[in-house]
PDB file of N, CA and C in Angstrom:
ATOM      1  N   MET A   1     -11.184   9.240  23.599  1.00  0.00           N
ATOM      2  CA  MET A   1     -12.265   8.467  23.009  1.00  0.00           C
ATOM      3  C   MET A   1     -12.208   8.520  21.471  1.00  0.00           C
ATOM      4  N   ILE A   2     -12.021   9.728  20.964  1.00  0.00           N
ATOM      5  CA  ILE A   2     -11.963   9.878  19.515  1.00  0.00           C
ATOM      6  C   ILE A   2     -10.728   9.176  18.950  1.00  0.00           C
ATOM      7  N   THR A   3      -9.625   9.237  19.692  1.00  0.00           N
ATOM      8  CA  THR A   3      -8.403   8.576  19.235  1.00  0.00           C
ATOM      9  C   THR A   3      -8.606   7.067  19.136  1.00  0.00           C
ATOM     10  N   GLY A   4      -9.265   6.496  20.128  1.00  0.00           N
ATOM     11  CA  GLY A   4      -9.540   5.062  20.111  1.00  0.00           C
ATOM     12  C   GLY A   4     -10.428   4.656  18.949  1.00  0.00           C
ATOM     13  N   LEU A   5     -11.469   5.467  18.692  1.00  0.00           N
ATOM     14  CA  LEU A   5     -12.350   5.168  17.565  1.00  0.00           C
ATOM     15  C   LEU A   5     -11.629   5.327  16.230  1.00  0.00           C
ATOM     16  N   THR A   6     -10.732   6.301  16.156  1.00  0.00           N
ATOM     17  CA  THR A   6      -9.968   6.500  14.922  1.00  0.00           C
ATOM     18  C   THR A   6      -9.033   5.328  14.667  1.00  0.00           C
ATOM     19  N   ILE A   7      -8.378   4.851  15.706  1.00  0.00           N
ATOM     20  CA  ILE A   7      -7.490   3.684  15.567  1.00  0.00           C
ATOM     21  C   ILE A   7      -8.299   2.451  15.180  1.00  0.00           C
ATOM     22  N   LEU A   8      -9.458   2.274  15.806  1.00  0.00           N
ATOM     23  CA  LEU A   8     -10.317   1.131  15.479  1.00  0.00           C
ATOM     24  C   LEU A   8     -10.819   1.219  14.035  1.00  0.00           C
ATOM     25  N   THR A   9     -11.145   2.419  13.581  1.00  0.00           N
ATOM     26  CA  THR A   9     -11.577   2.614  12.201  1.00  0.00           C
ATOM     27  C   THR A   9     -10.456   2.271  11.228  1.00  0.00           C
ATOM     28  N   ALA A  10      -9.239   2.694  11.551  1.00  0.00           N
ATOM     29  CA  ALA A  10      -8.099   2.379  10.683  1.00  0.00           C
ATOM     30  C   ALA A  10      -7.862   0.870  10.627  1.00  0.00           C
ATOM     31  N   LEU A  11      -8.005   0.190  11.747  1.00  0.00           N
ATOM     32  CA  LEU A  11      -7.830  -1.261  11.783  1.00  0.00           C
ATOM     33  C   LEU A  11      -8.893  -1.958  10.930  1.00  0.00           C
ATOM     34  N   VAL A  12     -10.138  -1.511  11.052  1.00  0.00           N
ATOM     35  CA  VAL A  12     -11.213  -2.095  10.249  1.00  0.00           C
ATOM     36  C   VAL A  12     -10.964  -1.831   8.765  1.00  0.00           C
ATOM     37  N   CYS A  13     -10.447  -0.643   8.427  1.00  0.00           N
ATOM     38  CA  CYS A  13     -10.126  -0.337   7.024  1.00  0.00           C
ATOM     39  C   CYS A  13      -9.076  -1.294   6.479  1.00  0.00           C
ATOM     40  N   LEU A  14      -8.035  -1.548   7.249  1.00  0.00           N
ATOM     41  CA  LEU A  14      -6.988  -2.470   6.798  1.00  0.00           C
ATOM     42  C   LEU A  14      -7.532  -3.885   6.622  1.00  0.00           C
ATOM     43  N   LEU A  15      -8.348  -4.330   7.573  1.00  0.00           N
ATOM     44  CA  LEU A  15      -8.935  -5.665   7.460  1.00  0.00           C
ATOM     45  C   LEU A  15      -9.879  -5.756   6.262  1.00  0.00           C
ATOM     46  N   LEU A  16     -10.625  -4.689   6.003  1.00  0.00           N
ATOM     47  CA  LEU A  16     -11.530  -4.680   4.857  1.00  0.00           C
ATOM     48  C   LEU A  16     -10.762  -4.721   3.542  1.00  0.00           C
ATOM     49  N   MET A  17      -9.660  -3.987   3.470  1.00  0.00           N
ATOM     50  CA  MET A  17      -8.832  -4.052   2.258  1.00  0.00           C
ATOM     51  C   MET A  17      -8.304  -5.462   2.045  1.00  0.00           C
ATOM     52  N   GLY A  18      -7.858  -6.103   3.113  1.00  0.00           N
ATOM     53  CA  GLY A  18      -7.369  -7.474   3.004  1.00  0.00           C
ATOM     54  C   GLY A  18      -8.462  -8.432   2.571  1.00  0.00           C
ATOM     55  N   ALA A  19      -9.668  -8.271   3.124  1.00  0.00           N
ATOM     56  CA  ALA A  19     -10.777  -9.156   2.758  1.00  0.00           C
ATOM     57  C   ALA A  19     -11.157  -8.986   1.291  1.00  0.00           C
ATOM     58  N   VAL A  20     -11.122  -7.754   0.797  1.00  0.00           N
ATOM     59  CA  VAL A  20     -11.458  -7.520  -0.609  1.00  0.00           C
ATOM     60  C   VAL A  20     -10.387  -8.109  -1.522  1.00  0.00           C
ATOM     61  N   LEU A  21      -9.122  -7.960  -1.138  1.00  0.00           N
ATOM     62  CA  LEU A  21      -8.053  -8.501  -1.977  1.00  0.00           C
ATOM     63  C   LEU A  21      -8.021 -10.025  -1.992  1.00  0.00           C
ATOM     64  N   ILE A  22      -8.462 -10.646  -0.923  1.00  0.00           N
ATOM     65  CA  ILE A  22      -8.444 -12.107  -0.842  1.00  0.00           C
ATOM     66  C   ILE A  22      -9.521 -12.730  -1.722  1.00  0.00           C
ATOM     67  N   GLN A  23     -10.606 -12.001  -1.958  1.00  0.00           N
ATOM     68  CA  GLN A  23     -11.702 -12.565  -2.736  1.00  0.00           C
ATOM     69  C   GLN A  23     -11.239 -12.979  -4.122  1.00  0.00           C
ATOM     70  N   ASN A  24     -11.878 -14.000  -4.630  1.00  0.00           N
ATOM     71  CA  ASN A  24     -11.499 -14.598  -5.906  1.00  0.00           C
ATOM     72  C   ASN A  24     -12.492 -14.168  -6.977  1.00  0.00           C
ATOM     73  N   PRO A  25     -12.132 -13.204  -7.841  1.00  0.00           N
ATOM     74  CA  PRO A  25     -13.085 -12.715  -8.833  1.00  0.00           C
ATOM     75  C   PRO A  25     -13.144 -13.593 -10.093  1.00  0.00           C
ATOM     76  N   LYS A  26     -13.953 -14.617 -10.049  1.00  0.00           N
ATOM     77  CA  LYS A  26     -14.164 -15.510 -11.207  1.00  0.00           C
ATOM     78  C   LYS A  26     -12.869 -16.081 -11.755  1.00  0.00           C
ATOM     79  N   GLY A  27     -12.056 -16.635 -10.891  1.00  0.00           N
ATOM     80  CA  GLY A  27     -10.805 -17.260 -11.316  1.00  0.00           C
ATOM     81  C   GLY A  27      -9.616 -16.359 -11.093  1.00  0.00           C
ATOM     82  N   GLY A  28      -8.516 -16.944 -10.693  1.00  0.00           N
ATOM     83  CA  GLY A  28      -7.309 -16.163 -10.433  1.00  0.00           C
ATOM     84  C   GLY A  28      -7.430 -15.431  -9.111  1.00  0.00           C
ATOM     85  N   GLY A  29      -6.862 -14.234  -9.058  1.00  0.00           N
ATOM     86  CA  GLY A  29      -6.942 -13.423  -7.855  1.00  0.00           C
ATOM     87  C   GLY A  29      -5.853 -13.768  -6.870  1.00  0.00           C
ATOM     88  N   ILE A  30      -5.763 -12.968  -5.854  1.00  0.00           N
ATOM     89  CA  ILE A  30      -4.736 -13.159  -4.830  1.00  0.00           C
ATOM     90  C   ILE A  30      -5.053 -14.372  -3.969  1.00  0.00           C
ATOM     91  N   ASP A  31      -6.319 -14.768  -3.916  1.00  0.00           N
ATOM     92  CA  ASP A  31      -6.713 -15.919  -3.116  1.00  0.00           C
ATOM     93  C   ASP A  31      -5.879 -17.145  -3.454  1.00  0.00           C
ATOM     94  N   SER A  32      -5.659 -17.415  -4.721  1.00  0.00           N
ATOM     95  CA  SER A  32      -4.885 -18.586  -5.120  1.00  0.00           C
ATOM     96  C   SER A  32      -3.388 -18.380  -4.878  1.00  0.00           C
ATOM     97  N   THR A  33      -2.940 -17.134  -4.863  1.00  0.00           N
ATOM     98  CA  THR A  33      -1.523 -16.853  -4.636  1.00  0.00           C
ATOM     99  C   THR A  33      -1.108 -17.202  -3.212  1.00  0.00           C
ATOM    100  N   PHE A  34      -1.972 -16.901  -2.251  1.00  0.00           N
ATOM    101  CA  PHE A  34      -1.636 -17.111  -0.846  1.00  0.00           C
ATOM    102  C   PHE A  34      -2.199 -18.408  -0.291  1.00  0.00           C
ATOM    103  N   GLY A  35      -2.355 -19.396  -1.092  1.00  0.00           N
ATOM    104  CA  GLY A  35      -2.801 -20.699  -0.608  1.00  0.00           C
ATOM    105  C   GLY A  35      -4.307 -20.832  -0.539  1.00  0.00           C
ATOM    106  N   GLY A  36      -5.014 -20.010  -1.263  1.00  0.00           N
ATOM    107  CA  GLY A  36      -6.470 -20.079  -1.252  1.00  0.00           C
ATOM    108  C   GLY A  36      -7.001 -21.377  -1.819  1.00  0.00           C
ATOM    109  N   SER A  37      -6.266 -21.982  -2.733  1.00  0.00           N
ATOM    110  CA  SER A  37      -6.738 -23.227  -3.325  1.00  0.00           C
ATOM    111  C   SER A  37      -6.744 -24.354  -2.299  1.00  0.00           C
ATOM    112  N   SER A  38      -5.769 -24.351  -1.379  1.00  0.00           N
ATOM    113  CA  SER A  38      -5.776 -25.381  -0.337  1.00  0.00           C
ATOM    114  C   SER A  38      -6.901 -25.135   0.655  1.00  0.00           C
ATOM    115  N   ALA A  39      -7.214 -23.856   0.909  1.00  0.00           N
ATOM    116  CA  ALA A  39      -8.349 -23.553   1.784  1.00  0.00           C
ATOM    117  C   ALA A  39      -9.647 -23.994   1.140  1.00  0.00           C
ATOM    118  N   ASN A  40      -9.749 -23.836  -0.177  1.00  0.00           N
ATOM    119  CA  ASN A  40     -10.945 -24.280  -0.876  1.00  0.00           C
ATOM    120  C   ASN A  40     -11.086 -25.791  -0.808  1.00  0.00           C
ATOM    121  N   GLN A  41      -9.970 -26.519  -0.808  1.00  0.00           N
ATOM    122  CA  GLN A  41     -10.041 -27.969  -0.722  1.00  0.00           C
ATOM    123  C   GLN A  41     -10.469 -28.407   0.666  1.00  0.00           C
ATOM    124  N   VAL A  42     -10.046 -27.666   1.688  1.00  0.00           N
ATOM    125  CA  VAL A  42     -10.396 -28.046   3.058  1.00  0.00           C
ATOM    126  C   VAL A  42     -11.844 -27.707   3.355  1.00  0.00           C
ATOM    127  N   PHE A  43     -12.248 -26.461   3.083  1.00  0.00           N
ATOM    128  CA  PHE A  43     -13.583 -26.009   3.432  1.00  0.00           C
ATOM    129  C   PHE A  43     -14.592 -26.197   2.307  1.00  0.00           C
ATOM    130  N   GLY A  44     -14.129 -26.398   1.115  1.00  0.00           N
ATOM    131  CA  GLY A  44     -14.997 -26.425  -0.051  1.00  0.00           C
ATOM    132  C   GLY A  44     -15.046 -25.021  -0.637  1.00  0.00           C
ATOM    133  N   ALA A  45     -15.115 -24.920  -1.927  1.00  0.00           N
ATOM    134  CA  ALA A  45     -15.046 -23.613  -2.595  1.00  0.00           C
ATOM    135  C   ALA A  45     -16.193 -22.709  -2.179  1.00  0.00           C
ATOM    136  N   ALA A  46     -17.373 -23.245  -2.078  1.00  0.00           N
ATOM    137  CA  ALA A  46     -18.534 -22.415  -1.749  1.00  0.00           C
ATOM    138  C   ALA A  46     -18.448 -21.892  -0.320  1.00  0.00           C
ATOM    139  N   LYS A  47     -18.003 -22.731   0.611  1.00  0.00           N
ATOM    140  CA  LYS A  47     -17.967 -22.310   2.004  1.00  0.00           C
ATOM    141  C   LYS A  47     -16.928 -21.226   2.242  1.00  0.00           C
ATOM    142  N   SER A  48     -15.754 -21.344   1.639  1.00  0.00           N
ATOM    143  CA  SER A  48     -14.736 -20.317   1.847  1.00  0.00           C
ATOM    144  C   SER A  48     -15.148 -19.008   1.187  1.00  0.00           C
ATOM    145  N   THR A  49     -15.797 -19.081   0.039  1.00  0.00           N
ATOM    146  CA  THR A  49     -16.272 -17.883  -0.638  1.00  0.00           C
ATOM    147  C   THR A  49     -17.359 -17.215   0.185  1.00  0.00           C
ATOM    148  N   ASP A  50     -18.281 -18.004   0.724  1.00  0.00           N
ATOM    149  CA  ASP A  50     -19.339 -17.448   1.560  1.00  0.00           C
ATOM    150  C   ASP A  50     -18.759 -16.791   2.805  1.00  0.00           C
ATOM    151  N   PHE A  51     -17.763 -17.416   3.423  1.00  0.00           N
ATOM    152  CA  PHE A  51     -17.153 -16.871   4.632  1.00  0.00           C
ATOM    153  C   PHE A  51     -16.472 -15.539   4.345  1.00  0.00           C
ATOM    154  N   ILE A  52     -15.705 -15.476   3.271  1.00  0.00           N
ATOM    155  CA  ILE A  52     -14.993 -14.244   2.932  1.00  0.00           C
ATOM    156  C   ILE A  52     -15.991 -13.140   2.587  1.00  0.00           C
ATOM    157  N   GLU A  53     -17.063 -13.495   1.900  1.00  0.00           N
ATOM    158  CA  GLU A  53     -18.083 -12.503   1.559  1.00  0.00           C
ATOM    159  C   GLU A  53     -18.780 -11.976   2.806  1.00  0.00           C
ATOM    160  N   LYS A  54     -19.086 -12.860   3.741  1.00  0.00           N
ATOM    161  CA  LYS A  54     -19.715 -12.422   4.988  1.00  0.00           C
ATOM    162  C   LYS A  54     -18.781 -11.520   5.791  1.00  0.00           C
ATOM    163  N   VAL A  55     -17.508 -11.889   5.854  1.00  0.00           N
ATOM    164  CA  VAL A  55     -16.532 -11.056   6.561  1.00  0.00           C
ATOM    165  C   VAL A  55     -16.451  -9.675   5.921  1.00  0.00           C
ATOM    166  N   THR A  56     -16.474  -9.618   4.599  1.00  0.00           N
ATOM    167  CA  THR A  56     -16.420  -8.334   3.897  1.00  0.00           C
ATOM    168  C   THR A  56     -17.630  -7.480   4.239  1.00  0.00           C
ATOM    169  N   TRP A  57     -18.808  -8.071   4.244  1.00  0.00           N
ATOM    170  CA  TRP A  57     -20.018  -7.318   4.580  1.00  0.00           C
ATOM    171  C   TRP A  57     -19.986  -6.834   6.026  1.00  0.00           C
ATOM    172  N   TYR A  58     -19.575  -7.693   6.962  1.00  0.00           N
ATOM    173  CA  TYR A  58     -19.530  -7.296   8.371  1.00  0.00           C
ATOM    174  C   TYR A  58     -18.522  -6.173   8.596  1.00  0.00           C
ATOM    175  N   LEU A  59     -17.373  -6.253   7.936  1.00  0.00           N
ATOM    176  CA  LEU A  59     -16.376  -5.195   8.074  1.00  0.00           C
ATOM    177  C   LEU A  59     -16.867  -3.885   7.464  1.00  0.00           C
ATOM    178  N   ALA A  60     -17.575  -3.959   6.340  1.00  0.00           N
ATOM    179  CA  ALA A  60     -18.114  -2.748   5.718  1.00  0.00           C
ATOM    180  C   ALA A  60     -19.166  -2.099   6.619  1.00  0.00           C
ATOM    181  N   ILE A  61     -20.011  -2.900   7.227  1.00  0.00           N
ATOM    182  CA  ILE A  61     -21.018  -2.379   8.153  1.00  0.00           C
ATOM    183  C   ILE A  61     -20.351  -1.775   9.383  1.00  0.00           C
ATOM    184  N   ALA A  62     -19.326  -2.453   9.908  1.00  0.00           N
ATOM    185  CA  ALA A  62     -18.599  -1.935  11.067  1.00  0.00           C
ATOM    186  C   ALA A  62     -17.928  -0.609  10.736  1.00  0.00           C
ATOM    187  N   LEU A  63     -17.359  -0.500   9.546  1.00  0.00           N
ATOM    188  CA  LEU A  63     -16.726   0.752   9.131  1.00  0.00           C
ATOM    189  C   LEU A  63     -17.751   1.875   9.048  1.00  0.00           C
ATOM    190  N   PHE A  64     -18.911   1.605   8.493  1.00  0.00           N
ATOM    191  CA  PHE A  64     -19.968   2.606   8.392  1.00  0.00           C
ATOM    192  C   PHE A  64     -20.396   3.080   9.775  1.00  0.00           C
ATOM    193  N   ILE A  65     -20.623   2.154  10.688  1.00  0.00           N
ATOM    194  CA  ILE A  65     -21.056   2.503  12.047  1.00  0.00           C
ATOM    195  C   ILE A  65     -19.970   3.281  12.782  1.00  0.00           C
ATOM    196  N   LEU A  66     -18.711   2.849  12.643  1.00  0.00           N
ATOM    197  CA  LEU A  66     -17.616   3.557  13.300  1.00  0.00           C
ATOM    198  C   LEU A  66     -17.465   4.983  12.779  1.00  0.00           C
ATOM    199  N   CYS A  67     -17.631   5.169  11.488  1.00  0.00           N
ATOM    200  CA  CYS A  67     -17.529   6.524  10.915  1.00  0.00           C
ATOM    201  C   CYS A  67     -18.632   7.425  11.435  1.00  0.00           C
ATOM    202  N   ILE A  68     -19.856   6.912  11.496  1.00  0.00           N
ATOM    203  CA  ILE A  68     -20.972   7.704  12.014  1.00  0.00           C
ATOM    204  C   ILE A  68     -20.764   8.019  13.492  1.00  0.00           C
ATOM    205  N   ALA A  69     -20.360   7.023  14.279  1.00  0.00           N
ATOM    206  CA  ALA A  69     -20.143   7.235  15.718  1.00  0.00           C
ATOM    207  C   ALA A  69     -19.027   8.240  15.963  1.00  0.00           C
ATOM    208  N   THR A  70     -17.936   8.124  15.233  1.00  0.00           N
ATOM    209  CA  THR A  70     -16.824   9.060  15.400  1.00  0.00           C
ATOM    210  C   THR A  70     -17.260  10.476  15.028  1.00  0.00           C
ATOM    211  N   SER A  71     -18.032  10.590  13.983  1.00  0.00           N
ATOM    212  CA  SER A  71     -18.526  11.903  13.560  1.00  0.00           C
ATOM    213  C   SER A  71     -19.422  12.527  14.628  1.00  0.00           C
ATOM    214  N   LEU A  72     -20.317  11.733  15.192  1.00  0.00           N
ATOM    215  CA  LEU A  72     -21.212  12.250  16.230  1.00  0.00           C
ATOM    216  C   LEU A  72     -20.454  12.638  17.493  1.00  0.00           C
ATOM    217  N   ILE A  73     -19.502  11.828  17.887  1.00  0.00           N
ATOM    218  CA  ILE A  73     -18.724  12.126  19.096  1.00  0.00           C
ATOM    219  C   ILE A  73     -17.837  13.343  18.875  1.00  0.00           C
ATOM    220  N   ALA A  74     -17.226  13.446  17.714  1.00  0.00           N
ATOM    221  CA  ALA A  74     -16.382  14.608  17.416  1.00  0.00           C
ATOM    222  C   ALA A  74     -17.215  15.881  17.376  1.00  0.00           C
ATOM    223  N   ASP A  75     -18.415  15.802  16.816  1.00  0.00           N
ATOM    224  CA  ASP A  75     -19.292  16.965  16.748  1.00  0.00           C
ATOM    225  C   ASP A  75     -19.721  17.400  18.141  1.00  0.00           C
ATOM    226  N   SER A  76     -20.046  16.441  19.014  1.00  0.00           N
ATOM    227  CA  SER A  76     -20.467  16.802  20.364  1.00  0.00           C
ATOM    228  C   SER A  76     -19.313  17.363  21.184  1.00  0.00           C
ATOM    229  N   SER A  77     -18.088  16.889  20.939  1.00  0.00           N
ATOM    230  CA  SER A  77     -16.947  17.426  21.693  1.00  0.00           C
ATOM    231  C   SER A  77     -16.619  18.836  21.259  1.00  0.00           C
ATOM    232  N   VAL A  78     -16.783  19.139  19.991  1.00  0.00           N
ATOM    233  CA  VAL A  78     -16.548  20.508  19.500  1.00  0.00           C
ATOM    234  C   VAL A  78     -17.634  21.432  20.053  1.00  0.00           C
ATOM    235  N   THR A  79     -18.876  20.962  20.110  1.00  0.00           N
ATOM    236  CA  THR A  79     -19.973  21.766  20.644  1.00  0.00           C
ATOM    237  C   THR A  79     -19.769  22.040  22.128  1.00  0.00           C
ATOM    238  N   ASP A  80     -19.275  21.048  22.872  1.00  0.00           N
ATOM    239  CA  ASP A  80     -19.044  21.202  24.313  1.00  0.00           C
ATOM    240  C   ASP A  80     -17.938  22.207  24.593  1.00  0.00           C
ATOM    241  N   MET A  81     -16.982  22.317  23.672  1.00  0.00           N
ATOM    242  CA  MET A  81     -15.871  23.240  23.851  1.00  0.00           C
ATOM    243  C   MET A  81     -16.267  24.673  23.497  1.00  0.00           C
ATOM    244  N   GLY A  82     -17.425  24.841  22.881  1.00  0.00           N
ATOM    245  CA  GLY A  82     -17.892  26.156  22.530  1.00  0.00           C
ATOM    246  C   GLY A  82     -17.291  26.699  21.252  1.00  0.00           C
ATOM    247  N   LEU A  83     -16.803  25.824  20.402  1.00  0.00           N
ATOM    248  CA  LEU A  83     -16.210  26.276  19.133  1.00  0.00           C
ATOM    249  C   LEU A  83     -17.212  26.300  18.029  1.00  0.00           C
TER     250      LEU A  83
END
């Protein structure tokens, strides 16, 4: 159980790093390097920015919850073992 949560936490961390790097900080950024300008033309600049920001917030919340859950489960497993 703990291994699965740890793997899921690592996956969320990688996705969160990618979401942060994709964001466009007031011009430039990696977003334009990887075709972000064409995405802005398709979805509109505001919509793609809003989507990336929402994804970043959801991933950050998921990471927080996963860390707390893993901590609680790890603590209960150590207590059950009598350590």
